[in-house]
Amino acid sequence: MPAALDEPTRALLARAAALEKHPLARLISVVERDHPGARVRRAALFRHLAAHAETYPRRGRVIGVTGTPGAGKSSLIGRVALEVLATDPTASVAVLAIDPTSPTSGGALLGDRVRTSFPVGERRIYFRSQATQGDLGGVGRRTFAVSRLLRHLFDFVFVETVGIGQSEIEISALADRTLLVLQPLGGDHVQFLKAGVMEVPDAFVINKCDEAALARRSAHELRTALECARIGADGAPLPVFLTSAVSGAGVPELTDWLRRETPHQTRDGQRRQERHFLRRAIAERYGAFGVAILDEMTAAASPDGAAALYEDVEAAALDAIAARVR
């Protein structure tokens, strides 16, 4: 029989749901730890959340924010988060900022928090930094797991990636909407067209538009590049927002669009996301050998098995791989 959620973790969850920051930080640490004992506790936590959906509904929408270093992603997220709180007194926001881990020292600066300024004592907003722990893709090893938890506790979850490039596109698999943030006259969109990164976002944001003429010129160049690449040709053209995190220009329009156009995750969408990140985790740990075993399990899964909790599927896959290794 699966382990039930222990009382200390239940207490942490209850206080985290009341948006108490210290218990929430400790609960996220439970999700981030990766040793066998932590996996049992984490599985019990998500099993408890699934069994008490009326108390902890999956109401949160995840918005990915990516772009080149220096484009002002952190400052923009801070502005948009405050706009969400100001225009909806019932809304709550979590920010998960991903920082690269040094391959030399193994440490991470986790310094994005200093670029944001939130009201002291505001319970409805929470900021958490997370190291990549050497993972590629622009997000960390435990980003998916933490975002799953935060969906139960907040209305909006912003995930800021380490940057953007040919291999940093995992955010599109994690988020319900993805923004690509550029800066005026950076020339980034030309490089991104070469790399195919322009096909990742749902909307573009040209930030740091404090000089109107430069902003208009950059927007024109970007729209021309998108038209040449025929991005968005199957539907409506992708929106392009001009914003300034300094003056706040364009932030209300961007916030309103995110509120209207970011869908709530469906059950099928949740399953696709879980399969993607489970396959990624197995591939990182066991390579093609592990993925082949996972694919065998997936192909042989019954309809009931397909609806199993993510942690149970993960545990079954790890057990099957371990049995083959022996």
Foldseek 3Di string as FASTA:
>chain_A
DQDAADPVLVVLLVVVLVLDAVSLVVNVVLLPDDDPVSLSNLVNVVVVCVVPCVLQPLQAAEEEEAAAPPLCRLLLVQLLQVVVCVVDVVFAEEEEEEFEADPVPRHTPQPSVVNHDDDPPPSRYYYHYDYQSPDWQQHHLRPLRSVSVVSRRGHYYYYYGNHDFLRNQCVLLRGLFYEYGAEFPPCVLVRCLVSVVVLRGQAYEHEPCPDPVSQVVRVVVNVVSCVVSCRCVVHDDRYYFYAYSVVGPRSVVVSVCCVPPRDRQDPVSVLVSLVVSLLVVQCVVPNPLLNVLLVVCVVPDDPVRSNDDSSVSSVVSVVVSVVVVD
